[in-house]
PDB file of N, CA and C in Angstrom:
ATOM      1  N   MET A   1    -108.727-184.934 169.233  1.00  0.00           N
ATOM      2  CA  MET A   1    -108.418-184.520 167.873  1.00  0.00           C
ATOM      3  C   MET A   1    -109.198-185.367 166.873  1.00  0.00           C
ATOM      4  N   HIS A   2    -109.922-186.353 167.317  1.00  0.00           N
ATOM      5  CA  HIS A   2    -110.696-187.189 166.403  1.00  0.00           C
ATOM      6  C   HIS A   2    -111.807-186.373 165.766  1.00  0.00           C
ATOM      7  N   SER A   3    -112.154-186.735 164.538  1.00  0.00           N
ATOM      8  CA  SER A   3    -113.234-186.041 163.853  1.00  0.00           C
ATOM      9  C   SER A   3    -114.140-187.049 163.175  1.00  0.00           C
ATOM     10  N   ASP A   4    -115.220-186.560 162.622  1.00  0.00           N
ATOM     11  CA  ASP A   4    -116.140-187.421 161.890  1.00  0.00           C
ATOM     12  C   ASP A   4    -115.772-187.508 160.424  1.00  0.00           C
ATOM     13  N   ALA A   5    -114.595-187.048 160.055  1.00  0.00           N
ATOM     14  CA  ALA A   5    -114.161-187.085 158.657  1.00  0.00           C
ATOM     15  C   ALA A   5    -114.048-188.530 158.196  1.00  0.00           C
ATOM     16  N   PRO A   6    -114.294-188.784 156.924  1.00  0.00           N
ATOM     17  CA  PRO A   6    -114.161-190.149 156.415  1.00  0.00           C
ATOM     18  C   PRO A   6    -112.759-190.674 156.643  1.00  0.00           C
ATOM     19  N   ARG A   7    -112.683-191.928 156.991  1.00  0.00           N
ATOM     20  CA  ARG A   7    -111.380-192.549 157.207  1.00  0.00           C
ATOM     21  C   ARG A   7    -111.095-193.493 156.067  1.00  0.00           C
ATOM     22  N   HIS A   8    -109.865-193.534 155.643  1.00  0.00           N
ATOM     23  CA  HIS A   8    -109.458-194.358 154.510  1.00  0.00           C
ATOM     24  C   HIS A   8    -108.518-195.475 154.942  1.00  0.00           C
ATOM     25  N   ASP A   9    -108.674-195.903 156.185  1.00  0.00           N
ATOM     26  CA  ASP A   9    -107.723-196.891 156.689  1.00  0.00           C
ATOM     27  C   ASP A   9    -108.383-198.208 157.063  1.00  0.00           C
ATOM     28  N   ASP A  10    -109.548-198.515 156.528  1.00  0.00           N
ATOM     29  CA  ASP A  10    -110.229-199.755 156.877  1.00  0.00           C
ATOM     30  C   ASP A  10    -109.604-200.913 156.117  1.00  0.00           C
ATOM     31  N   ALA A  11    -108.623-201.534 156.736  1.00  0.00           N
ATOM     32  CA  ALA A  11    -107.856-202.590 156.072  1.00  0.00           C
ATOM     33  C   ALA A  11    -108.645-203.874 155.916  1.00  0.00           C
ATOM     34  N   GLU A  12    -109.755-204.025 156.650  1.00  0.00           N
ATOM     35  CA  GLU A  12    -110.525-205.248 156.547  1.00  0.00           C
ATOM     36  C   GLU A  12    -111.472-205.228 155.359  1.00  0.00           C
ATOM     37  N   ARG A  13    -111.744-204.088 154.823  1.00  0.00           N
ATOM     38  CA  ARG A  13    -112.504-203.996 153.584  1.00  0.00           C
ATOM     39  C   ARG A  13    -111.471-203.948 152.472  1.00  0.00           C
ATOM     40  N   GLY A  14    -111.724-204.597 151.380  1.00  0.00           N
ATOM     41  CA  GLY A  14    -110.758-204.559 150.291  1.00  0.00           C
ATOM     42  C   GLY A  14    -110.744-203.184 149.672  1.00  0.00           C
ATOM     43  N   ALA A  15    -109.659-202.487 149.759  1.00  0.00           N
ATOM     44  CA  ALA A  15    -109.557-201.166 149.151  1.00  0.00           C
ATOM     45  C   ALA A  15    -108.237-201.073 148.415  1.00  0.00           C
ATOM     46  N   ALA A  16    -108.298-200.521 147.242  1.00  0.00           N
ATOM     47  CA  ALA A  16    -107.086-200.341 146.457  1.00  0.00           C
ATOM     48  C   ALA A  16    -107.066-198.912 145.948  1.00  0.00           C
ATOM     49  N   GLU A  17    -105.909-198.349 145.879  1.00  0.00           N
ATOM     50  CA  GLU A  17    -105.773-196.994 145.370  1.00  0.00           C
ATOM     51  C   GLU A  17    -105.297-197.039 143.936  1.00  0.00           C
ATOM     52  N   ARG A  18    -105.764-196.111 143.163  1.00  0.00           N
ATOM     53  CA  ARG A  18    -105.303-196.007 141.791  1.00  0.00           C
ATOM     54  C   ARG A  18    -105.140-194.528 141.475  1.00  0.00           C
ATOM     55  N   ALA A  19    -104.021-194.188 140.879  1.00  0.00           N
ATOM     56  CA  ALA A  19    -103.747-192.796 140.536  1.00  0.00           C
ATOM     57  C   ALA A  19    -104.540-192.430 139.289  1.00  0.00           C
ATOM     58  N   ARG A  20    -105.684-191.806 139.494  1.00  0.00           N
ATOM     59  CA  ARG A  20    -106.518-191.306 138.402  1.00  0.00           C
ATOM     60  C   ARG A  20    -106.807-189.859 138.713  1.00  0.00           C
ATOM     61  N   GLY A  21    -106.679-189.021 137.768  1.00  0.00           N
ATOM     62  CA  GLY A  21    -106.888-187.603 138.007  1.00  0.00           C
ATOM     63  C   GLY A  21    -108.332-187.171 138.086  1.00  0.00           C
ATOM     64  N   ASP A  22    -109.286-188.060 137.794  1.00  0.00           N
ATOM     65  CA  ASP A  22    -110.675-187.634 137.751  1.00  0.00           C
ATOM     66  C   ASP A  22    -111.414-187.769 139.076  1.00  0.00           C
ATOM     67  N   GLY A  23    -110.784-188.353 140.092  1.00  0.00           N
ATOM     68  CA  GLY A  23    -111.389-188.426 141.411  1.00  0.00           C
ATOM     69  C   GLY A  23    -112.493-189.451 141.551  1.00  0.00           C
ATOM     70  N   HIS A  24    -112.672-190.330 140.587  1.00  0.00           N
ATOM     71  CA  HIS A  24    -113.729-191.325 140.667  1.00  0.00           C
ATOM     72  C   HIS A  24    -113.298-192.547 141.461  1.00  0.00           C
ATOM     73  N   ALA A  25    -114.261-193.180 142.085  1.00  0.00           N
ATOM     74  CA  ALA A  25    -114.026-194.442 142.777  1.00  0.00           C
ATOM     75  C   ALA A  25    -114.750-195.524 141.996  1.00  0.00           C
ATOM     76  N   GLU A  26    -114.219-196.719 142.036  1.00  0.00           N
ATOM     77  CA  GLU A  26    -114.811-197.841 141.337  1.00  0.00           C
ATOM     78  C   GLU A  26    -114.938-199.005 142.295  1.00  0.00           C
ATOM     79  N   HIS A  27    -115.804-199.951 141.945  1.00  0.00           N
ATOM     80  CA  HIS A  27    -115.947-201.170 142.725  1.00  0.00           C
ATOM     81  C   HIS A  27    -115.761-202.348 141.786  1.00  0.00           C
ATOM     82  N   ALA A  28    -114.823-203.213 142.115  1.00  0.00           N
ATOM     83  CA  ALA A  28    -114.560-204.381 141.285  1.00  0.00           C
ATOM     84  C   ALA A  28    -114.986-205.622 142.058  1.00  0.00           C
ATOM     85  N   PRO A  29    -115.821-206.484 141.461  1.00  0.00           N
ATOM     86  CA  PRO A  29    -116.250-207.703 142.158  1.00  0.00           C
ATOM     87  C   PRO A  29    -115.058-208.569 142.544  1.00  0.00           C
ATOM     88  N   TRP A  30    -115.186-209.235 143.675  1.00  0.00           N
ATOM     89  CA  TRP A  30    -114.080-210.060 144.157  1.00  0.00           C
ATOM     90  C   TRP A  30    -114.641-211.127 145.080  1.00  0.00           C
ATOM     91  N   GLY A  31    -114.496-212.368 144.739  1.00  0.00           N
ATOM     92  CA  GLY A  31    -114.947-213.466 145.582  1.00  0.00           C
ATOM     93  C   GLY A  31    -116.412-213.798 145.382  1.00  0.00           C
ATOM     94  N   GLU A  32    -116.802-214.914 145.934  1.00  0.00           N
ATOM     95  CA  GLU A  32    -118.156-215.409 145.765  1.00  0.00           C
ATOM     96  C   GLU A  32    -119.150-214.743 146.698  1.00  0.00           C
ATOM     97  N   ASP A  33    -118.699-214.166 147.782  1.00  0.00           N
ATOM     98  CA  ASP A  33    -119.620-213.604 148.770  1.00  0.00           C
ATOM     99  C   ASP A  33    -120.071-212.186 148.426  1.00  0.00           C
ATOM    100  N   GLY A  34    -119.714-211.705 147.258  1.00  0.00           N
ATOM    101  CA  GLY A  34    -120.135-210.369 146.846  1.00  0.00           C
ATOM    102  C   GLY A  34    -119.235-209.260 147.346  1.00  0.00           C
ATOM    103  N   ALA A  35    -118.242-209.617 148.161  1.00  0.00           N
ATOM    104  CA  ALA A  35    -117.297-208.597 148.617  1.00  0.00           C
ATOM    105  C   ALA A  35    -116.513-208.112 147.412  1.00  0.00           C
ATOM    106  N   GLY A  36    -115.903-206.978 147.531  1.00  0.00           N
ATOM    107  CA  GLY A  36    -115.174-206.474 146.394  1.00  0.00           C
ATOM    108  C   GLY A  36    -113.991-205.625 146.783  1.00  0.00           C
ATOM    109  N   VAL A  37    -113.289-205.191 145.792  1.00  0.00           N
ATOM    110  CA  VAL A  37    -112.175-204.274 145.976  1.00  0.00           C
ATOM    111  C   VAL A  37    -112.675-202.909 145.546  1.00  0.00           C
ATOM    112  N   HIS A  38    -112.543-201.948 146.410  1.00  0.00           N
ATOM    113  CA  HIS A  38    -112.944-200.589 146.093  1.00  0.00           C
ATOM    114  C   HIS A  38    -111.705-199.834 145.630  1.00  0.00           C
ATOM    115  N   ILE A  39    -111.739-199.350 144.421  1.00  0.00           N
ATOM    116  CA  ILE A  39    -110.602-198.623 143.861  1.00  0.00           C
ATOM    117  C   ILE A  39    -110.858-197.143 144.092  1.00  0.00           C
ATOM    118  N   ILE A  40    -109.934-196.508 144.776  1.00  0.00           N
ATOM    119  CA  ILE A  40    -110.080-195.112 145.161  1.00  0.00           C
ATOM    120  C   ILE A  40    -108.968-194.308 144.515  1.00  0.00           C
ATOM    121  N   CYS A  41    -109.315-193.216 143.923  1.00  0.00           N
ATOM    122  CA  CYS A  41    -108.325-192.333 143.334  1.00  0.00           C
ATOM    123  C   CYS A  41    -107.432-191.771 144.444  1.00  0.00           C
ATOM    124  N   THR A  42    -106.127-191.858 144.273  1.00  0.00           N
ATOM    125  CA  THR A  42    -105.212-191.358 145.300  1.00  0.00           C
ATOM    126  C   THR A  42    -105.396-189.868 145.545  1.00  0.00           C
ATOM    127  N   ALA A  43    -105.827-189.126 144.531  1.00  0.00           N
ATOM    128  CA  ALA A  43    -106.055-187.690 144.717  1.00  0.00           C
ATOM    129  C   ALA A  43    -107.136-187.444 145.770  1.00  0.00           C
ATOM    130  N   VAL A  44    -108.155-188.283 145.804  1.00  0.00           N
ATOM    131  CA  VAL A  44    -109.227-188.147 146.784  1.00  0.00           C
ATOM    132  C   VAL A  44    -108.693-188.432 148.181  1.00  0.00           C
ATOM    133  N   VAL A  45    -107.878-189.478 148.306  1.00  0.00           N
ATOM    134  CA  VAL A  45    -107.302-189.836 149.599  1.00  0.00           C
ATOM    135  C   VAL A  45    -106.410-188.713 150.113  1.00  0.00           C
ATOM    136  N   TYR A  46    -105.501-188.252 149.266  1.00  0.00           N
ATOM    137  CA  TYR A  46    -104.587-187.183 149.685  1.00  0.00           C
ATOM    138  C   TYR A  46    -105.318-185.888 149.986  1.00  0.00           C
ATOM    139  N   ASP A  47    -106.340-185.561 149.205  1.00  0.00           N
ATOM    140  CA  ASP A  47    -107.110-184.345 149.441  1.00  0.00           C
ATOM    141  C   ASP A  47    -107.751-184.387 150.825  1.00  0.00           C
ATOM    142  N   ASP A  48    -108.381-185.501 151.162  1.00  0.00           N
ATOM    143  CA  ASP A  48    -109.021-185.646 152.468  1.00  0.00           C
ATOM    144  C   ASP A  48    -107.999-185.592 153.592  1.00  0.00           C
ATOM    145  N   LEU A  49    -106.905-186.309 153.417  1.00  0.00           N
ATOM    146  CA  LEU A  49    -105.866-186.364 154.439  1.00  0.00           C
ATOM    147  C   LEU A  49    -105.243-184.995 154.685  1.00  0.00           C
ATOM    148  N   LEU A  50    -104.862-184.324 153.620  1.00  0.00           N
ATOM    149  CA  LEU A  50    -104.225-183.006 153.773  1.00  0.00           C
ATOM    150  C   LEU A  50    -105.201-181.963 154.305  1.00  0.00           C
ATOM    151  N   ARG A  51    -106.473-182.070 153.924  1.00  0.00           N
ATOM    152  CA  ARG A  51    -107.483-181.152 154.459  1.00  0.00           C
ATOM    153  C   ARG A  51    -107.579-181.312 155.974  1.00  0.00           C
ATOM    154  N   GLN A  52    -107.599-182.571 156.454  1.00  0.00           N
ATOM    155  CA  GLN A  52    -107.680-182.816 157.892  1.00  0.00           C
ATOM    156  C   GLN A  52    -106.434-182.305 158.613  1.00  0.00           C
ATOM    157  N   VAL A  53    -105.264-182.505 158.030  1.00  0.00           N
ATOM    158  CA  VAL A  53    -104.030-182.003 158.642  1.00  0.00           C
ATOM    159  C   VAL A  53    -104.069-180.481 158.743  1.00  0.00           C
ATOM    160  N   ARG A  54    -104.551-179.808 157.709  1.00  0.00           N
ATOM    161  CA  ARG A  54    -104.652-178.339 157.763  1.00  0.00           C
ATOM    162  C   ARG A  54    -105.608-177.886 158.859  1.00  0.00           C
ATOM    163  N   VAL A  55    -106.715-178.598 159.027  1.00  0.00           N
ATOM    164  CA  VAL A  55    -107.670-178.254 160.097  1.00  0.00           C
ATOM    165  C   VAL A  55    -106.997-178.378 161.454  1.00  0.00           C
ATOM    166  N   TRP A  56    -106.320-179.493 161.682  1.00  0.00           N
ATOM    167  CA  TRP A  56    -105.645-179.675 162.965  1.00  0.00           C
ATOM    168  C   TRP A  56    -104.593-178.598 163.196  1.00  0.00           C
ATOM    169  N   ALA A  57    -103.836-178.250 162.157  1.00  0.00           N
ATOM    170  CA  ALA A  57    -102.806-177.212 162.296  1.00  0.00           C
ATOM    171  C   ALA A  57    -103.449-175.871 162.643  1.00  0.00           C
ATOM    172  N   ARG A  58    -104.563-175.551 161.988  1.00  0.00           N
ATOM    173  CA  ARG A  58    -105.262-174.285 162.292  1.00  0.00           C
ATOM    174  C   ARG A  58    -105.829-174.271 163.702  1.00  0.00           C
ATOM    175  N   LEU A  59    -106.160-175.443 164.230  1.00  0.00           N
ATOM    176  CA  LEU A  59    -106.669-175.540 165.596  1.00  0.00           C
ATOM    177  C   LEU A  59    -105.543-175.467 166.631  1.00  0.00           C
ATOM    178  N   GLY A  60    -104.293-175.400 166.152  1.00  0.00           N
ATOM    179  CA  GLY A  60    -103.166-175.218 167.048  1.00  0.00           C
ATOM    180  C   GLY A  60    -102.463-176.490 167.492  1.00  0.00           C
ATOM    181  N   HIS A  61    -102.798-177.621 166.896  1.00  0.00           N
ATOM    182  CA  HIS A  61    -102.102-178.866 167.253  1.00  0.00           C
ATOM    183  C   HIS A  61    -100.684-178.841 166.693  1.00  0.00           C
ATOM    184  N   SER A  62     -99.763-179.373 167.469  1.00  0.00           N
ATOM    185  CA  SER A  62     -98.358-179.384 167.057  1.00  0.00           C
ATOM    186  C   SER A  62     -98.131-180.451 165.985  1.00  0.00           C
ATOM    187  N   PRO A  63     -97.044-180.309 165.224  1.00  0.00           N
ATOM    188  CA  PRO A  63     -96.713-181.356 164.250  1.00  0.00           C
ATOM    189  C   PRO A  63     -96.590-182.735 164.900  1.00  0.00           C
ATOM    190  N   THR A  64     -96.058-182.808 166.116  1.00  0.00           N
ATOM    191  CA  THR A  64     -95.923-184.087 166.822  1.00  0.00           C
ATOM    192  C   THR A  64     -97.287-184.675 167.135  1.00  0.00           C
ATOM    193  N   GLU A  65     -98.223-183.840 167.581  1.00  0.00           N
ATOM    194  CA  GLU A  65     -99.579-184.323 167.873  1.00  0.00           C
ATOM    195  C   GLU A  65    -100.271-184.812 166.598  1.00  0.00           C
ATOM    196  N   ILE A  66    -100.109-184.066 165.527  1.00  0.00           N
ATOM    197  CA  ILE A  66    -100.726-184.438 164.254  1.00  0.00           C
ATOM    198  C   ILE A  66    -100.147-185.762 163.765  1.00  0.00           C
ATOM    199  N   GLN A  67     -98.830-185.908 163.823  1.00  0.00           N
ATOM    200  CA  GLN A  67     -98.202-187.156 163.382  1.00  0.00           C
ATOM    201  C   GLN A  67     -98.666-188.328 164.229  1.00  0.00           C
ATOM    202  N   SER A  68     -98.788-188.104 165.531  1.00  0.00           N
ATOM    203  CA  SER A  68     -99.251-189.158 166.430  1.00  0.00           C
ATOM    204  C   SER A  68    -100.669-189.609 166.056  1.00  0.00           C
ATOM    205  N   GLU A  69    -101.540-188.659 165.757  1.00  0.00           N
ATOM    206  CA  GLU A  69    -102.903-188.989 165.348  1.00  0.00           C
ATOM    207  C   GLU A  69    -102.905-189.766 164.033  1.00  0.00           C
ATOM    208  N   LEU A  70    -102.098-189.335 163.077  1.00  0.00           N
ATOM    209  CA  LEU A  70    -102.020-190.040 161.797  1.00  0.00           C
ATOM    210  C   LEU A  70    -101.490-191.461 161.986  1.00  0.00           C
ATOM    211  N   ASP A  71    -100.466-191.608 162.832  1.00  0.00           N
ATOM    212  CA  ASP A  71     -99.919-192.936 163.118  1.00  0.00           C
ATOM    213  C   ASP A  71    -100.990-193.847 163.710  1.00  0.00           C
ATOM    214  N   GLU A  72    -101.785-193.292 164.616  1.00  0.00           N
ATOM    215  CA  GLU A  72    -102.852-194.082 165.244  1.00  0.00           C
ATOM    216  C   GLU A  72    -103.925-194.457 164.227  1.00  0.00           C
ATOM    217  N   ARG A  73    -104.348-193.503 163.435  1.00  0.00           N
ATOM    218  CA  ARG A  73    -105.407-193.750 162.450  1.00  0.00           C
ATOM    219  C   ARG A  73    -105.011-194.802 161.423  1.00  0.00           C
ATOM    220  N   PHE A  74    -103.756-194.786 161.010  1.00  0.00           N
ATOM    221  CA  PHE A  74    -103.335-195.654 159.925  1.00  0.00           C
ATOM    222  C   PHE A  74    -102.489-196.834 160.385  1.00  0.00           C
ATOM    223  N   SER A  75    -102.480-197.130 161.669  1.00  0.00           N
ATOM    224  CA  SER A  75    -101.653-198.227 162.181  1.00  0.00           C
ATOM    225  C   SER A  75    -102.084-199.572 161.601  1.00  0.00           C
ATOM    226  N   ARG A  76    -103.386-199.791 161.439  1.00  0.00           N
ATOM    227  CA  ARG A  76    -103.846-201.068 160.879  1.00  0.00           C
ATOM    228  C   ARG A  76    -103.382-201.225 159.439  1.00  0.00           C
ATOM    229  N   VAL A  77    -103.433-200.161 158.677  1.00  0.00           N
ATOM    230  CA  VAL A  77    -102.974-200.222 157.288  1.00  0.00           C
ATOM    231  C   VAL A  77    -101.475-200.491 157.254  1.00  0.00           C
ATOM    232  N   ALA A  78    -100.725-199.815 158.108  1.00  0.00           N
ATOM    233  CA  ALA A  78     -99.275-200.018 158.161  1.00  0.00           C
ATOM    234  C   ALA A  78     -98.951-201.464 158.519  1.00  0.00           C
ATOM    235  N   ASN A  79     -99.717-202.055 159.440  1.00  0.00           N
ATOM    236  CA  ASN A  79     -99.485-203.450 159.821  1.00  0.00           C
ATOM    237  C   ASN A  79     -99.749-204.390 158.652  1.00  0.00           C
ATOM    238  N   VAL A  80    -100.805-204.135 157.912  1.00  0.00           N
ATOM    239  CA  VAL A  80    -101.120-204.968 156.744  1.00  0.00           C
ATOM    240  C   VAL A  80    -100.008-204.853 155.705  1.00  0.00           C
ATOM    241  N   LEU A  81     -99.572-203.636 155.438  1.00  0.00           N
ATOM    242  CA  LEU A  81     -98.506-203.429 154.454  1.00  0.00           C
ATOM    243  C   LEU A  81     -97.211-204.100 154.898  1.00  0.00           C
ATOM    244  N   GLU A  82     -96.927-204.027 156.180  1.00  0.00           N
ATOM    245  CA  GLU A  82     -95.724-204.670 156.709  1.00  0.00           C
ATOM    246  C   GLU A  82     -95.790-206.182 156.509  1.00  0.00           C
ATOM    247  N   ARG A  83     -96.958-206.771 156.746  1.00  0.00           N
ATOM    248  CA  ARG A  83     -97.103-208.221 156.530  1.00  0.00           C
ATOM    249  C   ARG A  83     -96.941-208.582 155.062  1.00  0.00           C
ATOM    250  N   VAL A  84     -97.476-207.752 154.176  1.00  0.00           N
ATOM    251  CA  VAL A  84     -97.342-208.009 152.737  1.00  0.00           C
ATOM    252  C   VAL A  84     -95.876-207.999 152.332  1.00  0.00           C
ATOM    253  N   VAL A  85     -95.142-207.006 152.806  1.00  0.00           N
ATOM    254  CA  VAL A  85     -93.712-206.911 152.502  1.00  0.00           C
ATOM    255  C   VAL A  85     -92.972-208.119 153.064  1.00  0.00           C
ATOM    256  N   ASP A  86     -93.285-208.509 154.297  1.00  0.00           N
ATOM    257  CA  ASP A  86     -92.631-209.668 154.909  1.00  0.00           C
ATOM    258  C   ASP A  86     -92.930-210.941 154.131  1.00  0.00           C
ATOM    259  N   ASP A  87     -94.178-211.097 153.680  1.00  0.00           N
ATOM    260  CA  ASP A  87     -94.553-212.295 152.910  1.00  0.00           C
ATOM    261  C   ASP A  87     -93.827-212.345 151.575  1.00  0.00           C
ATOM    262  N   LYS A  88     -93.643-211.205 150.952  1.00  0.00           N
ATOM    263  CA  LYS A  88     -92.929-211.162 149.674  1.00  0.00           C
ATOM    264  C   LYS A  88     -91.454-211.482 149.853  1.00  0.00           C
ATOM    265  N   ALA A  89     -90.903-211.136 151.013  1.00  0.00           N
ATOM    266  CA  ALA A  89     -89.483-211.379 151.271  1.00  0.00           C
ATOM    267  C   ALA A  89     -89.190-212.860 151.499  1.00  0.00           C
ATOM    268  N   LYS A  90     -90.209-213.612 151.835  1.00  0.00           N
ATOM    269  CA  LYS A  90     -90.008-215.049 152.130  1.00  0.00           C
ATOM    270  C   LYS A  90     -89.838-215.865 150.894  1.00  0.00           C
TER     271      LYS A  90
END
């Protein structure tokens, strides 16, 4: 079920989402090494994600299979978010 569609789950690159209706992405400098935070419009993320889910559904994949693929694709992001929440709770 894997595809060559862009993935938005690279937790090792600094990425931040921002709800902007214009679909633009921005890059904000961060740190001395030139790395940065990439600000991505949530509409772009959701559009890509929902488009991929529709493709899988049309190909006959079950909701369970689709959810399993999404869980696998975004597991690194979920782990990062879980650590952030745990750190804030301390």
